[in-house]
PDB file of N, CA and C in Angstrom:
ATOM      1  N   UNK A   1      11.962  23.190 -22.390  1.00  0.00           N
ATOM      2  CA  UNK A   1      10.794  22.345 -22.086  1.00  0.00           C
ATOM      3  C   UNK A   1      11.355  21.205 -21.226  1.00  0.00           C
ATOM      4  N   UNK A   2      10.602  20.779 -20.206  1.00  0.00           N
ATOM      5  CA  UNK A   2      10.949  19.727 -19.294  1.00  0.00           C
ATOM      6  C   UNK A   2      10.666  18.381 -19.821  1.00  0.00           C
ATOM      7  N   UNK A   3      11.557  17.473 -19.610  1.00  0.00           N
ATOM      8  CA  UNK A   3      11.312  16.069 -20.000  1.00  0.00           C
ATOM      9  C   UNK A   3      10.428  15.382 -19.037  1.00  0.00           C
ATOM     10  N   UNK A   4       9.565  14.441 -19.463  1.00  0.00           N
ATOM     11  CA  UNK A   4       8.751  13.671 -18.521  1.00  0.00           C
ATOM     12  C   UNK A   4       9.672  12.835 -17.584  1.00  0.00           C
ATOM     13  N   UNK A   5       9.253  12.635 -16.393  1.00  0.00           N
ATOM     14  CA  UNK A   5      10.042  11.839 -15.473  1.00  0.00           C
ATOM     15  C   UNK A   5      10.047  10.368 -15.921  1.00  0.00           C
ATOM     16  N   UNK A   6      11.207   9.715 -15.748  1.00  0.00           N
ATOM     17  CA  UNK A   6      11.390   8.330 -16.118  1.00  0.00           C
ATOM     18  C   UNK A   6      11.360   7.421 -14.972  1.00  0.00           C
ATOM     19  N   UNK A   7      10.100   7.231 -14.307  1.00  0.00           N
ATOM     20  CA  UNK A   7       9.957   6.358 -13.213  1.00  0.00           C
ATOM     21  C   UNK A   7       9.322   5.126 -13.638  1.00  0.00           C
ATOM     22  N   UNK A   8       9.723   4.000 -13.076  1.00  0.00           N
ATOM     23  CA  UNK A   8       9.072   2.723 -13.281  1.00  0.00           C
ATOM     24  C   UNK A   8       8.077   2.481 -12.112  1.00  0.00           C
ATOM     25  N   UNK A   9       7.056   1.691 -12.329  1.00  0.00           N
ATOM     26  CA  UNK A   9       6.061   1.597 -11.383  1.00  0.00           C
ATOM     27  C   UNK A   9       6.507   0.950 -10.079  1.00  0.00           C
ATOM     28  N   UNK A  10       7.480   0.004 -10.155  1.00  0.00           N
ATOM     29  CA  UNK A  10       7.924  -0.647  -8.863  1.00  0.00           C
ATOM     30  C   UNK A  10       8.728   0.375  -8.072  1.00  0.00           C
ATOM     31  N   UNK A  11       9.324   1.383  -8.672  1.00  0.00           N
ATOM     32  CA  UNK A  11      10.018   2.449  -7.835  1.00  0.00           C
ATOM     33  C   UNK A  11       8.963   3.298  -7.100  1.00  0.00           C
ATOM     34  N   UNK A  12       7.932   3.529  -7.717  1.00  0.00           N
ATOM     35  CA  UNK A  12       6.834   4.351  -7.052  1.00  0.00           C
ATOM     36  C   UNK A  12       6.218   3.553  -5.892  1.00  0.00           C
ATOM     37  N   UNK A  13       5.959   2.280  -6.165  1.00  0.00           N
ATOM     38  CA  UNK A  13       5.483   1.440  -4.992  1.00  0.00           C
ATOM     39  C   UNK A  13       6.394   1.362  -3.849  1.00  0.00           C
ATOM     40  N   UNK A  14       7.713   1.165  -4.140  1.00  0.00           N
ATOM     41  CA  UNK A  14       8.724   1.138  -3.130  1.00  0.00           C
ATOM     42  C   UNK A  14       8.721   2.477  -2.347  1.00  0.00           C
ATOM     43  N   UNK A  15       8.681   3.571  -3.034  1.00  0.00           N
ATOM     44  CA  UNK A  15       8.715   4.901  -2.294  1.00  0.00           C
ATOM     45  C   UNK A  15       7.464   5.010  -1.422  1.00  0.00           C
ATOM     46  N   UNK A  16       6.289   4.580  -1.964  1.00  0.00           N
ATOM     47  CA  UNK A  16       5.050   4.654  -1.126  1.00  0.00           C
ATOM     48  C   UNK A  16       5.183   3.753   0.108  1.00  0.00           C
ATOM     49  N   UNK A  17       5.821   2.638  -0.035  1.00  0.00           N
ATOM     50  CA  UNK A  17       6.000   1.694   1.043  1.00  0.00           C
ATOM     51  C   UNK A  17       6.869   2.341   2.139  1.00  0.00           C
ATOM     52  N   UNK A  18       7.930   2.988   1.718  1.00  0.00           N
ATOM     53  CA  UNK A  18       8.871   3.569   2.587  1.00  0.00           C
ATOM     54  C   UNK A  18       8.148   4.724   3.421  1.00  0.00           C
ATOM     55  N   UNK A  19       7.410   5.511   2.650  1.00  0.00           N
ATOM     56  CA  UNK A  19       6.673   6.638   3.258  1.00  0.00           C
ATOM     57  C   UNK A  19       5.666   6.057   4.282  1.00  0.00           C
ATOM     58  N   UNK A  20       4.965   5.032   3.916  1.00  0.00           N
ATOM     59  CA  UNK A  20       3.979   4.390   4.892  1.00  0.00           C
ATOM     60  C   UNK A  20       4.637   3.955   6.144  1.00  0.00           C
ATOM     61  N   UNK A  21       5.817   3.263   6.036  1.00  0.00           N
ATOM     62  CA  UNK A  21       6.551   2.799   7.220  1.00  0.00           C
ATOM     63  C   UNK A  21       6.985   3.960   8.101  1.00  0.00           C
ATOM     64  N   UNK A  22       7.553   5.054   7.420  1.00  0.00           N
ATOM     65  CA  UNK A  22       7.974   6.208   8.225  1.00  0.00           C
ATOM     66  C   UNK A  22       6.843   6.844   8.949  1.00  0.00           C
ATOM     67  N   UNK A  23       5.728   6.966   8.240  1.00  0.00           N
ATOM     68  CA  UNK A  23       4.525   7.560   8.870  1.00  0.00           C
ATOM     69  C   UNK A  23       4.015   6.750  10.057  1.00  0.00           C
ATOM     70  N   UNK A  24       4.033   5.452   9.860  1.00  0.00           N
ATOM     71  CA  UNK A  24       3.639   4.525  10.991  1.00  0.00           C
ATOM     72  C   UNK A  24       4.598   4.657  12.117  1.00  0.00           C
ATOM     73  N   UNK A  25       5.902   4.755  11.895  1.00  0.00           N
ATOM     74  CA  UNK A  25       6.852   4.895  12.974  1.00  0.00           C
ATOM     75  C   UNK A  25       6.686   6.222  13.709  1.00  0.00           C
ATOM     76  N   UNK A  26       6.507   7.316  13.029  1.00  0.00           N
ATOM     77  CA  UNK A  26       6.212   8.605  13.629  1.00  0.00           C
ATOM     78  C   UNK A  26       4.921   8.552  14.512  1.00  0.00           C
ATOM     79  N   UNK A  27       3.915   8.045  13.927  1.00  0.00           N
ATOM     80  CA  UNK A  27       2.565   7.913  14.601  1.00  0.00           C
ATOM     81  C   UNK A  27       2.712   7.040  15.839  1.00  0.00           C
ATOM     82  N   UNK A  28       3.499   5.893  15.755  1.00  0.00           N
ATOM     83  CA  UNK A  28       3.553   5.042  16.915  1.00  0.00           C
ATOM     84  C   UNK A  28       4.393   5.661  17.980  1.00  0.00           C
ATOM     85  N   UNK A  29       5.400   6.484  17.676  1.00  0.00           N
ATOM     86  CA  UNK A  29       6.210   7.136  18.652  1.00  0.00           C
ATOM     87  C   UNK A  29       5.400   8.230  19.331  1.00  0.00           C
ATOM     88  N   UNK A  30       4.579   8.930  18.600  1.00  0.00           N
ATOM     89  CA  UNK A  30       3.803  10.020  19.201  1.00  0.00           C
ATOM     90  C   UNK A  30       2.653   9.544  20.046  1.00  0.00           C
ATOM     91  N   UNK A  31       1.950   8.502  19.626  1.00  0.00           N
ATOM     92  CA  UNK A  31       0.803   8.084  20.279  1.00  0.00           C
ATOM     93  C   UNK A  31       0.984   6.697  20.959  1.00  0.00           C
ATOM     94  N   UNK A  32       2.181   6.342  21.319  1.00  0.00           N
ATOM     95  CA  UNK A  32       2.519   5.064  21.932  1.00  0.00           C
ATOM     96  C   UNK A  32       1.674   4.681  23.108  1.00  0.00           C
ATOM     97  N   UNK A  33       1.474   5.611  24.061  1.00  0.00           N
ATOM     98  CA  UNK A  33       0.834   5.315  25.295  1.00  0.00           C
ATOM     99  C   UNK A  33      -0.622   5.757  25.219  1.00  0.00           C
ATOM    100  N   UNK A  34      -1.148   6.207  24.135  1.00  0.00           N
ATOM    101  CA  UNK A  34      -2.572   6.616  24.058  1.00  0.00           C
ATOM    102  C   UNK A  34      -3.450   5.462  23.643  1.00  0.00           C
ATOM    103  N   UNK A  35      -4.719   5.600  23.986  1.00  0.00           N
ATOM    104  CA  UNK A  35      -5.690   4.633  23.671  1.00  0.00           C
ATOM    105  C   UNK A  35      -6.832   5.251  22.970  1.00  0.00           C
ATOM    106  N   UNK A  36      -7.196   4.691  21.807  1.00  0.00           N
ATOM    107  CA  UNK A  36      -8.264   5.287  21.028  1.00  0.00           C
ATOM    108  C   UNK A  36      -9.585   4.560  21.477  1.00  0.00           C
ATOM    109  N   UNK A  37     -10.622   5.386  21.765  1.00  0.00           N
ATOM    110  CA  UNK A  37     -11.816   4.811  22.257  1.00  0.00           C
ATOM    111  C   UNK A  37     -13.002   5.476  21.517  1.00  0.00           C
ATOM    112  N   UNK A  38     -13.888   4.585  21.079  1.00  0.00           N
ATOM    113  CA  UNK A  38     -15.050   5.059  20.325  1.00  0.00           C
ATOM    114  C   UNK A  38     -16.228   4.355  20.894  1.00  0.00           C
ATOM    115  N   UNK A  39     -17.284   5.235  21.162  1.00  0.00           N
ATOM    116  CA  UNK A  39     -18.573   4.687  21.732  1.00  0.00           C
ATOM    117  C   UNK A  39     -19.741   5.021  20.836  1.00  0.00           C
ATOM    118  N   UNK A  40     -20.687   4.161  20.712  1.00  0.00           N
ATOM    119  CA  UNK A  40     -21.825   4.356  19.884  1.00  0.00           C
ATOM    120  C   UNK A  40     -23.007   3.533  20.261  1.00  0.00           C
ATOM    121  N   UNK A  41     -24.103   3.990  20.228  1.00  0.00           N
ATOM    122  CA  UNK A  41     -25.332   3.208  20.475  1.00  0.00           C
ATOM    123  C   UNK A  41     -25.842   2.688  19.150  1.00  0.00           C
ATOM    124  N   UNK A  42     -26.203   1.397  19.183  1.00  0.00           N
ATOM    125  CA  UNK A  42     -26.818   0.762  17.989  1.00  0.00           C
ATOM    126  C   UNK A  42     -28.094   0.075  18.403  1.00  0.00           C
ATOM    127  N   UNK A  43     -28.963   0.086  17.359  1.00  0.00           N
ATOM    128  CA  UNK A  43     -30.262  -0.605  17.628  1.00  0.00           C
ATOM    129  C   UNK A  43     -30.396  -1.694  16.536  1.00  0.00           C
ATOM    130  N   UNK A  44     -30.508  -2.912  17.008  1.00  0.00           N
ATOM    131  CA  UNK A  44     -30.530  -3.987  16.120  1.00  0.00           C
ATOM    132  C   UNK A  44     -31.543  -5.005  16.532  1.00  0.00           C
ATOM    133  N   UNK A  45     -32.492  -5.248  15.688  1.00  0.00           N
ATOM    134  CA  UNK A  45     -33.636  -6.275  15.964  1.00  0.00           C
ATOM    135  C   UNK A  45     -34.356  -5.841  17.275  1.00  0.00           C
ATOM    136  N   UNK A  46     -34.650  -4.557  17.421  1.00  0.00           N
ATOM    137  CA  UNK A  46     -35.387  -4.104  18.568  1.00  0.00           C
ATOM    138  C   UNK A  46     -34.592  -4.015  19.830  1.00  0.00           C
ATOM    139  N   UNK A  47     -33.315  -4.347  19.817  1.00  0.00           N
ATOM    140  CA  UNK A  47     -32.514  -4.369  21.026  1.00  0.00           C
ATOM    141  C   UNK A  47     -31.465  -3.210  20.857  1.00  0.00           C
ATOM    142  N   UNK A  48     -31.403  -2.369  21.813  1.00  0.00           N
ATOM    143  CA  UNK A  48     -30.491  -1.229  21.880  1.00  0.00           C
ATOM    144  C   UNK A  48     -29.290  -1.546  22.731  1.00  0.00           C
ATOM    145  N   UNK A  49     -28.107  -1.319  22.127  1.00  0.00           N
ATOM    146  CA  UNK A  49     -26.860  -1.740  22.762  1.00  0.00           C
ATOM    147  C   UNK A  49     -25.857  -0.609  22.635  1.00  0.00           C
ATOM    148  N   UNK A  50     -24.885  -0.522  23.593  1.00  0.00           N
ATOM    149  CA  UNK A  50     -23.865   0.408  23.561  1.00  0.00           C
ATOM    150  C   UNK A  50     -22.644  -0.346  23.006  1.00  0.00           C
ATOM    151  N   UNK A  51     -22.032   0.078  21.851  1.00  0.00           N
ATOM    152  CA  UNK A  51     -20.895  -0.471  21.238  1.00  0.00           C
ATOM    153  C   UNK A  51     -19.687   0.318  21.548  1.00  0.00           C
ATOM    154  N   UNK A  52     -18.653  -0.384  22.151  1.00  0.00           N
ATOM    155  CA  UNK A  52     -17.416   0.315  22.578  1.00  0.00           C
ATOM    156  C   UNK A  52     -16.263  -0.388  21.814  1.00  0.00           C
ATOM    157  N   UNK A  53     -15.489   0.470  21.152  1.00  0.00           N
ATOM    158  CA  UNK A  53     -14.345  -0.068  20.281  1.00  0.00           C
ATOM    159  C   UNK A  53     -13.101   0.627  20.736  1.00  0.00           C
ATOM    160  N   UNK A  54     -12.009  -0.128  21.153  1.00  0.00           N
ATOM    161  CA  UNK A  54     -10.818   0.516  21.528  1.00  0.00           C
ATOM    162  C   UNK A  54      -9.682   0.074  20.582  1.00  0.00           C
ATOM    163  N   UNK A  55      -8.627   0.886  20.531  1.00  0.00           N
ATOM    164  CA  UNK A  55      -7.456   0.479  19.759  1.00  0.00           C
ATOM    165  C   UNK A  55      -6.219   1.071  20.471  1.00  0.00           C
ATOM    166  N   UNK A  56      -5.251   0.274  20.621  1.00  0.00           N
ATOM    167  CA  UNK A  56      -3.968   0.606  21.303  1.00  0.00           C
ATOM    168  C   UNK A  56      -2.803   0.215  20.439  1.00  0.00           C
ATOM    169  N   UNK A  57      -1.837   1.238  20.220  1.00  0.00           N
ATOM    170  CA  UNK A  57      -0.685   0.906  19.416  1.00  0.00           C
ATOM    171  C   UNK A  57       0.191  -0.021  20.150  1.00  0.00           C
ATOM    172  N   UNK A  58       0.310   0.031  21.438  1.00  0.00           N
ATOM    173  CA  UNK A  58       1.115  -0.859  22.222  1.00  0.00           C
ATOM    174  C   UNK A  58       0.635  -2.348  22.026  1.00  0.00           C
ATOM    175  N   UNK A  59      -0.694  -2.499  22.096  1.00  0.00           N
ATOM    176  CA  UNK A  59      -1.269  -3.833  21.919  1.00  0.00           C
ATOM    177  C   UNK A  59      -0.990  -4.323  20.501  1.00  0.00           C
ATOM    178  N   UNK A  60      -1.107  -3.453  19.531  1.00  0.00           N
ATOM    179  CA  UNK A  60      -0.821  -3.830  18.112  1.00  0.00           C
ATOM    180  C   UNK A  60       0.604  -4.283  18.029  1.00  0.00           C
ATOM    181  N   UNK A  61       1.521  -3.548  18.562  1.00  0.00           N
ATOM    182  CA  UNK A  61       2.965  -3.884  18.450  1.00  0.00           C
ATOM    183  C   UNK A  61       3.215  -5.234  19.196  1.00  0.00           C
ATOM    184  N   UNK A  62       2.533  -5.444  20.346  1.00  0.00           N
ATOM    185  CA  UNK A  62       2.710  -6.647  21.145  1.00  0.00           C
ATOM    186  C   UNK A  62       2.238  -7.865  20.276  1.00  0.00           C
ATOM    187  N   UNK A  63       1.101  -7.724  19.655  1.00  0.00           N
ATOM    188  CA  UNK A  63       0.562  -8.951  18.799  1.00  0.00           C
ATOM    189  C   UNK A  63       1.461  -9.167  17.598  1.00  0.00           C
ATOM    190  N   UNK A  64       1.971  -8.037  17.051  1.00  0.00           N
ATOM    191  CA  UNK A  64       2.842  -8.187  15.908  1.00  0.00           C
ATOM    192  C   UNK A  64       4.125  -8.900  16.250  1.00  0.00           C
ATOM    193  N   UNK A  65       4.662  -8.650  17.401  1.00  0.00           N
ATOM    194  CA  UNK A  65       5.884  -9.305  17.958  1.00  0.00           C
ATOM    195  C   UNK A  65       5.649 -10.824  18.170  1.00  0.00           C
ATOM    196  N   UNK A  66       4.515 -11.097  18.777  1.00  0.00           N
ATOM    197  CA  UNK A  66       4.094 -12.574  19.022  1.00  0.00           C
ATOM    198  C   UNK A  66       3.927 -13.254  17.664  1.00  0.00           C
ATOM    199  N   UNK A  67       3.250 -12.664  16.661  1.00  0.00           N
ATOM    200  CA  UNK A  67       3.051 -13.304  15.410  1.00  0.00           C
ATOM    201  C   UNK A  67       4.352 -13.560  14.706  1.00  0.00           C
ATOM    202  N   UNK A  68       5.252 -12.580  14.688  1.00  0.00           N
ATOM    203  CA  UNK A  68       6.570 -12.707  14.034  1.00  0.00           C
ATOM    204  C   UNK A  68       7.398 -13.893  14.674  1.00  0.00           C
ATOM    205  N   UNK A  69       7.305 -14.029  16.045  1.00  0.00           N
ATOM    206  CA  UNK A  69       8.084 -15.027  16.711  1.00  0.00           C
ATOM    207  C   UNK A  69       7.462 -16.380  16.391  1.00  0.00           C
ATOM    208  N   UNK A  70       6.087 -16.462  16.193  1.00  0.00           N
ATOM    209  CA  UNK A  70       5.465 -17.694  15.835  1.00  0.00           C
ATOM    210  C   UNK A  70       5.832 -18.115  14.416  1.00  0.00           C
ATOM    211  N   UNK A  71       5.974 -17.161  13.504  1.00  0.00           N
ATOM    212  CA  UNK A  71       6.398 -17.515  12.175  1.00  0.00           C
ATOM    213  C   UNK A  71       7.881 -18.033  12.209  1.00  0.00           C
ATOM    214  N   UNK A  72       8.706 -17.404  12.951  1.00  0.00           N
ATOM    215  CA  UNK A  72      10.058 -17.900  13.056  1.00  0.00           C
ATOM    216  C   UNK A  72      10.147 -19.316  13.647  1.00  0.00           C
ATOM    217  N   UNK A  73       9.297 -19.652  14.654  1.00  0.00           N
ATOM    218  CA  UNK A  73       9.227 -20.958  15.259  1.00  0.00           C
ATOM    219  C   UNK A  73       8.725 -21.983  14.278  1.00  0.00           C
ATOM    220  N   UNK A  74       7.723 -21.562  13.460  1.00  0.00           N
ATOM    221  CA  UNK A  74       7.264 -22.544  12.403  1.00  0.00           C
ATOM    222  C   UNK A  74       8.301 -22.789  11.398  1.00  0.00           C
ATOM    223  N   UNK A  75       9.126 -21.805  10.948  1.00  0.00           N
ATOM    224  CA  UNK A  75      10.224 -22.064  10.055  1.00  0.00           C
ATOM    225  C   UNK A  75      11.293 -23.018  10.665  1.00  0.00           C
ATOM    226  N   UNK A  76      11.487 -22.789  11.987  1.00  0.00           N
ATOM    227  CA  UNK A  76      12.572 -23.614  12.683  1.00  0.00           C
ATOM    228  C   UNK A  76      12.084 -25.052  12.726  1.00  0.00           C
ATOM    229  N   UNK A  77      10.789 -25.287  13.015  1.00  0.00           N
ATOM    230  CA  UNK A  77      10.238 -26.670  13.099  1.00  0.00           C
ATOM    231  C   UNK A  77      10.252 -27.313  11.681  1.00  0.00           C
ATOM    232  N   UNK A  78       9.958 -26.524  10.652  1.00  0.00           N
ATOM    233  CA  UNK A  78      10.033 -27.047   9.294  1.00  0.00           C
ATOM    234  C   UNK A  78      11.390 -27.499   8.944  1.00  0.00           C
ATOM    235  N   UNK A  79      12.388 -26.773   9.366  1.00  0.00           N
ATOM    236  CA  UNK A  79      13.788 -27.020   8.973  1.00  0.00           C
ATOM    237  C   UNK A  79      14.418 -28.116   9.857  1.00  0.00           C
ATOM    238  N   UNK A  80      13.977 -28.320  11.091  1.00  0.00           N
ATOM    239  CA  UNK A  80      14.663 -29.203  11.958  1.00  0.00           C
ATOM    240  C   UNK A  80      13.935 -30.498  12.235  1.00  0.00           C
ATOM    241  N   UNK A  81      12.630 -30.468  12.558  1.00  0.00           N
ATOM    242  CA  UNK A  81      11.908 -31.683  12.868  1.00  0.00           C
ATOM    243  C   UNK A  81      10.515 -31.656  12.430  1.00  0.00           C
ATOM    244  N   UNK A  82      10.202 -31.834  11.207  1.00  0.00           N
ATOM    245  CA  UNK A  82       8.813 -31.716  10.680  1.00  0.00           C
ATOM    246  C   UNK A  82       7.939 -32.893  11.106  1.00  0.00           C
ATOM    247  N   UNK A  83       8.485 -33.962  11.739  1.00  0.00           N
ATOM    248  CA  UNK A  83       7.629 -35.025  12.205  1.00  0.00           C
ATOM    249  C   UNK A  83       6.811 -34.692  13.382  1.00  0.00           C
ATOM    250  N   UNK A  84       7.109 -33.584  14.094  1.00  0.00           N
ATOM    251  CA  UNK A  84       6.377 -33.157  15.235  1.00  0.00           C
ATOM    252  C   UNK A  84       5.096 -32.377  14.835  1.00  0.00           C
ATOM    253  N   UNK A  85       4.948 -32.057  13.555  1.00  0.00           N
ATOM    254  CA  UNK A  85       3.796 -31.292  13.124  1.00  0.00           C
ATOM    255  C   UNK A  85       2.608 -32.171  12.830  1.00  0.00           C
ATOM    256  N   UNK A  86       1.688 -32.248  13.678  1.00  0.00           N
ATOM    257  CA  UNK A  86       0.515 -33.080  13.466  1.00  0.00           C
ATOM    258  C   UNK A  86      -0.784 -32.226  13.603  1.00  0.00           C
ATOM    259  N   UNK A  87      -1.008 -31.797  14.809  1.00  0.00           N
ATOM    260  CA  UNK A  87      -2.189 -30.915  15.078  1.00  0.00           C
ATOM    261  C   UNK A  87      -1.773 -29.581  15.566  1.00  0.00           C
ATOM    262  N   UNK A  88      -2.670 -28.641  15.381  1.00  0.00           N
ATOM    263  CA  UNK A  88      -2.354 -27.302  15.845  1.00  0.00           C
ATOM    264  C   UNK A  88      -3.579 -26.658  16.439  1.00  0.00           C
ATOM    265  N   UNK A  89      -3.459 -25.801  17.362  1.00  0.00           N
ATOM    266  CA  UNK A  89      -4.591 -25.039  17.957  1.00  0.00           C
ATOM    267  C   UNK A  89      -4.728 -23.731  17.141  1.00  0.00           C
ATOM    268  N   UNK A  90      -5.759 -22.977  17.583  1.00  0.00           N
ATOM    269  CA  UNK A  90      -6.080 -21.718  16.946  1.00  0.00           C
ATOM    270  C   UNK A  90      -4.944 -20.700  16.979  1.00  0.00           C
ATOM    271  N   UNK A  91      -4.263 -20.553  18.069  1.00  0.00           N
ATOM    272  CA  UNK A  91      -3.165 -19.540  18.202  1.00  0.00           C
ATOM    273  C   UNK A  91      -1.828 -20.202  18.265  1.00  0.00           C
ATOM    274  N   UNK A  92      -1.708 -21.412  17.765  1.00  0.00           N
ATOM    275  CA  UNK A  92      -0.402 -22.136  17.836  1.00  0.00           C
ATOM    276  C   UNK A  92       0.458 -21.688  16.663  1.00  0.00           C
ATOM    277  N   UNK A  93       1.769 -21.795  16.773  1.00  0.00           N
ATOM    278  CA  UNK A  93       2.625 -21.408  15.644  1.00  0.00           C
ATOM    279  C   UNK A  93       2.558 -22.336  14.480  1.00  0.00           C
ATOM    280  N   UNK A  94       2.014 -23.578  14.746  1.00  0.00           N
ATOM    281  CA  UNK A  94       1.917 -24.567  13.677  1.00  0.00           C
ATOM    282  C   UNK A  94       0.792 -24.199  12.647  1.00  0.00           C
ATOM    283  N   UNK A  95      -0.038 -23.217  13.012  1.00  0.00           N
ATOM    284  CA  UNK A  95      -1.023 -22.841  12.055  1.00  0.00           C
ATOM    285  C   UNK A  95      -0.533 -22.174  10.843  1.00  0.00           C
ATOM    286  N   UNK A  96       0.756 -21.802  10.866  1.00  0.00           N
ATOM    287  CA  UNK A  96       1.399 -21.165   9.675  1.00  0.00           C
ATOM    288  C   UNK A  96       2.004 -22.195   8.728  1.00  0.00           C
ATOM    289  N   UNK A  97       1.786 -23.510   9.104  1.00  0.00           N
ATOM    290  CA  UNK A  97       2.410 -24.642   8.323  1.00  0.00           C
ATOM    291  C   UNK A  97       1.277 -25.320   7.595  1.00  0.00           C
ATOM    292  N   UNK A  98       1.519 -25.447   6.247  1.00  0.00           N
ATOM    293  CA  UNK A  98       0.541 -26.025   5.385  1.00  0.00           C
ATOM    294  C   UNK A  98       0.945 -27.555   5.067  1.00  0.00           C
ATOM    295  N   UNK A  99      -0.033 -28.489   5.088  1.00  0.00           N
ATOM    296  CA  UNK A  99       0.258 -29.826   4.811  1.00  0.00           C
ATOM    297  C   UNK A  99      -0.316 -30.235   3.462  1.00  0.00           C
ATOM    298  N   UNK A 100       0.504 -30.860   2.621  1.00  0.00           N
ATOM    299  CA  UNK A 100      -0.009 -31.290   1.263  1.00  0.00           C
ATOM    300  C   UNK A 100       0.086 -32.800   1.250  1.00  0.00           C
ATOM    301  N   UNK A 101      -0.945 -33.446   0.896  1.00  0.00           N
ATOM    302  CA  UNK A 101      -0.974 -34.987   0.870  1.00  0.00           C
ATOM    303  C   UNK A 101      -1.399 -35.519  -0.445  1.00  0.00           C
ATOM    304  N   UNK A 102      -1.225 -34.694  -1.542  1.00  0.00           N
ATOM    305  CA  UNK A 102      -1.528 -35.199  -2.860  1.00  0.00           C
ATOM    306  C   UNK A 102      -0.396 -34.713  -3.820  1.00  0.00           C
ATOM    307  N   UNK A 103      -0.339 -35.359  -4.954  1.00  0.00           N
ATOM    308  CA  UNK A 103       0.659 -34.980  -5.962  1.00  0.00           C
ATOM    309  C   UNK A 103       0.109 -33.872  -6.846  1.00  0.00           C
ATOM    310  N   UNK A 104       0.923 -33.415  -7.778  1.00  0.00           N
ATOM    311  CA  UNK A 104       0.467 -32.335  -8.639  1.00  0.00           C
ATOM    312  C   UNK A 104      -0.667 -32.845  -9.618  1.00  0.00           C
ATOM    313  N   UNK A 105      -0.642 -34.120  -9.912  1.00  0.00           N
ATOM    314  CA  UNK A 105      -1.684 -34.782 -10.770  1.00  0.00           C
ATOM    315  C   UNK A 105      -2.962 -35.018 -10.006  1.00  0.00           C
ATOM    316  N   UNK A 106      -3.016 -34.837  -8.736  1.00  0.00           N
ATOM    317  CA  UNK A 106      -4.278 -35.000  -7.951  1.00  0.00           C
ATOM    318  C   UNK A 106      -4.310 -36.390  -7.297  1.00  0.00           C
ATOM    319  N   UNK A 107      -3.272 -37.211  -7.429  1.00  0.00           N
ATOM    320  CA  UNK A 107      -3.278 -38.553  -6.879  1.00  0.00           C
ATOM    321  C   UNK A 107      -2.994 -38.447  -5.364  1.00  0.00           C
ATOM    322  N   UNK A 108      -3.475 -39.367  -4.586  1.00  0.00           N
ATOM    323  CA  UNK A 108      -3.259 -39.410  -3.177  1.00  0.00           C
ATOM    324  C   UNK A 108      -1.813 -39.861  -2.961  1.00  0.00           C
ATOM    325  N   UNK A 109      -1.076 -39.068  -2.184  1.00  0.00           N
ATOM    326  CA  UNK A 109       0.336 -39.373  -1.845  1.00  0.00           C
ATOM    327  C   UNK A 109       0.443 -40.079  -0.534  1.00  0.00           C
ATOM    328  N   UNK A 110       1.486 -40.870  -0.471  1.00  0.00           N
ATOM    329  CA  UNK A 110       1.802 -41.612   0.802  1.00  0.00           C
ATOM    330  C   UNK A 110       2.441 -40.595   1.790  1.00  0.00           C
ATOM    331  N   UNK A 111       3.315 -39.867   1.306  1.00  0.00           N
ATOM    332  CA  UNK A 111       4.073 -38.954   2.153  1.00  0.00           C
ATOM    333  C   UNK A 111       3.412 -37.589   2.250  1.00  0.00           C
ATOM    334  N   UNK A 112       3.540 -36.999   3.443  1.00  0.00           N
ATOM    335  CA  UNK A 112       3.005 -35.616   3.578  1.00  0.00           C
ATOM    336  C   UNK A 112       4.149 -34.589   3.392  1.00  0.00           C
ATOM    337  N   UNK A 113       3.829 -33.554   2.684  1.00  0.00           N
ATOM    338  CA  UNK A 113       4.820 -32.512   2.384  1.00  0.00           C
ATOM    339  C   UNK A 113       4.370 -31.254   3.155  1.00  0.00           C
ATOM    340  N   UNK A 114       5.241 -30.695   4.059  1.00  0.00           N
ATOM    341  CA  UNK A 114       4.956 -29.504   4.820  1.00  0.00           C
ATOM    342  C   UNK A 114       5.698 -28.324   4.235  1.00  0.00           C
ATOM    343  N   UNK A 115       4.956 -27.185   4.236  1.00  0.00           N
ATOM    344  CA  UNK A 115       5.541 -25.945   3.815  1.00  0.00           C
ATOM    345  C   UNK A 115       4.938 -24.750   4.513  1.00  0.00           C
ATOM    346  N   UNK A 116       5.508 -23.603   4.476  1.00  0.00           N
ATOM    347  CA  UNK A 116       5.024 -22.446   5.106  1.00  0.00           C
ATOM    348  C   UNK A 116       3.940 -21.832   4.236  1.00  0.00           C
ATOM    349  N   UNK A 117       2.789 -21.550   4.914  1.00  0.00           N
ATOM    350  CA  UNK A 117       1.566 -21.042   4.249  1.00  0.00           C
ATOM    351  C   UNK A 117       1.698 -19.480   4.089  1.00  0.00           C
ATOM    352  N   UNK A 118       2.158 -19.066   2.968  1.00  0.00           N
ATOM    353  CA  UNK A 118       2.432 -17.673   2.696  1.00  0.00           C
ATOM    354  C   UNK A 118       1.137 -16.867   2.599  1.00  0.00           C
ATOM    355  N   UNK A 119       0.067 -17.478   2.192  1.00  0.00           N
ATOM    356  CA  UNK A 119      -1.216 -16.781   2.129  1.00  0.00           C
ATOM    357  C   UNK A 119      -1.649 -16.366   3.444  1.00  0.00           C
ATOM    358  N   UNK A 120      -1.521 -17.181   4.409  1.00  0.00           N
ATOM    359  CA  UNK A 120      -1.922 -16.935   5.802  1.00  0.00           C
ATOM    360  C   UNK A 120      -0.989 -15.818   6.460  1.00  0.00           C
ATOM    361  N   UNK A 121       0.319 -15.849   6.099  1.00  0.00           N
ATOM    362  CA  UNK A 121       1.195 -14.919   6.674  1.00  0.00           C
ATOM    363  C   UNK A 121       0.952 -13.489   6.127  1.00  0.00           C
ATOM    364  N   UNK A 122       0.595 -13.366   4.865  1.00  0.00           N
ATOM    365  CA  UNK A 122       0.341 -12.093   4.215  1.00  0.00           C
ATOM    366  C   UNK A 122      -0.846 -11.411   4.776  1.00  0.00           C
ATOM    367  N   UNK A 123      -1.814 -12.126   5.244  1.00  0.00           N
ATOM    368  CA  UNK A 123      -3.063 -11.530   5.763  1.00  0.00           C
ATOM    369  C   UNK A 123      -2.844 -10.635   6.934  1.00  0.00           C
TER     370      UNK A 123
END
């Protein structure tokens, strides 16, 4: 009689993560220069429109590279010169930096504390 396998849940999740990365790597190498295009007519509020959706693996990789370099720049600014962090634009690397101006008890703090916004990075 066979014994039941002795796997822990985190081992299974890790194996699935590795498989997903390998599948993504294979897919991106096969379809690197291809462009996915989908067209559809939609009718909304009496107005008929043609909806065109495109997806490119090159463009995805390009934006991923930009995002990772912005996260690295945000970490560098946090570690070297946090006084330069005041305002940020929509696509600025400073958008990954979170500012806290109150204490744990909810009191208004005089100093501002800057940290990396992990919730925004995980999205």
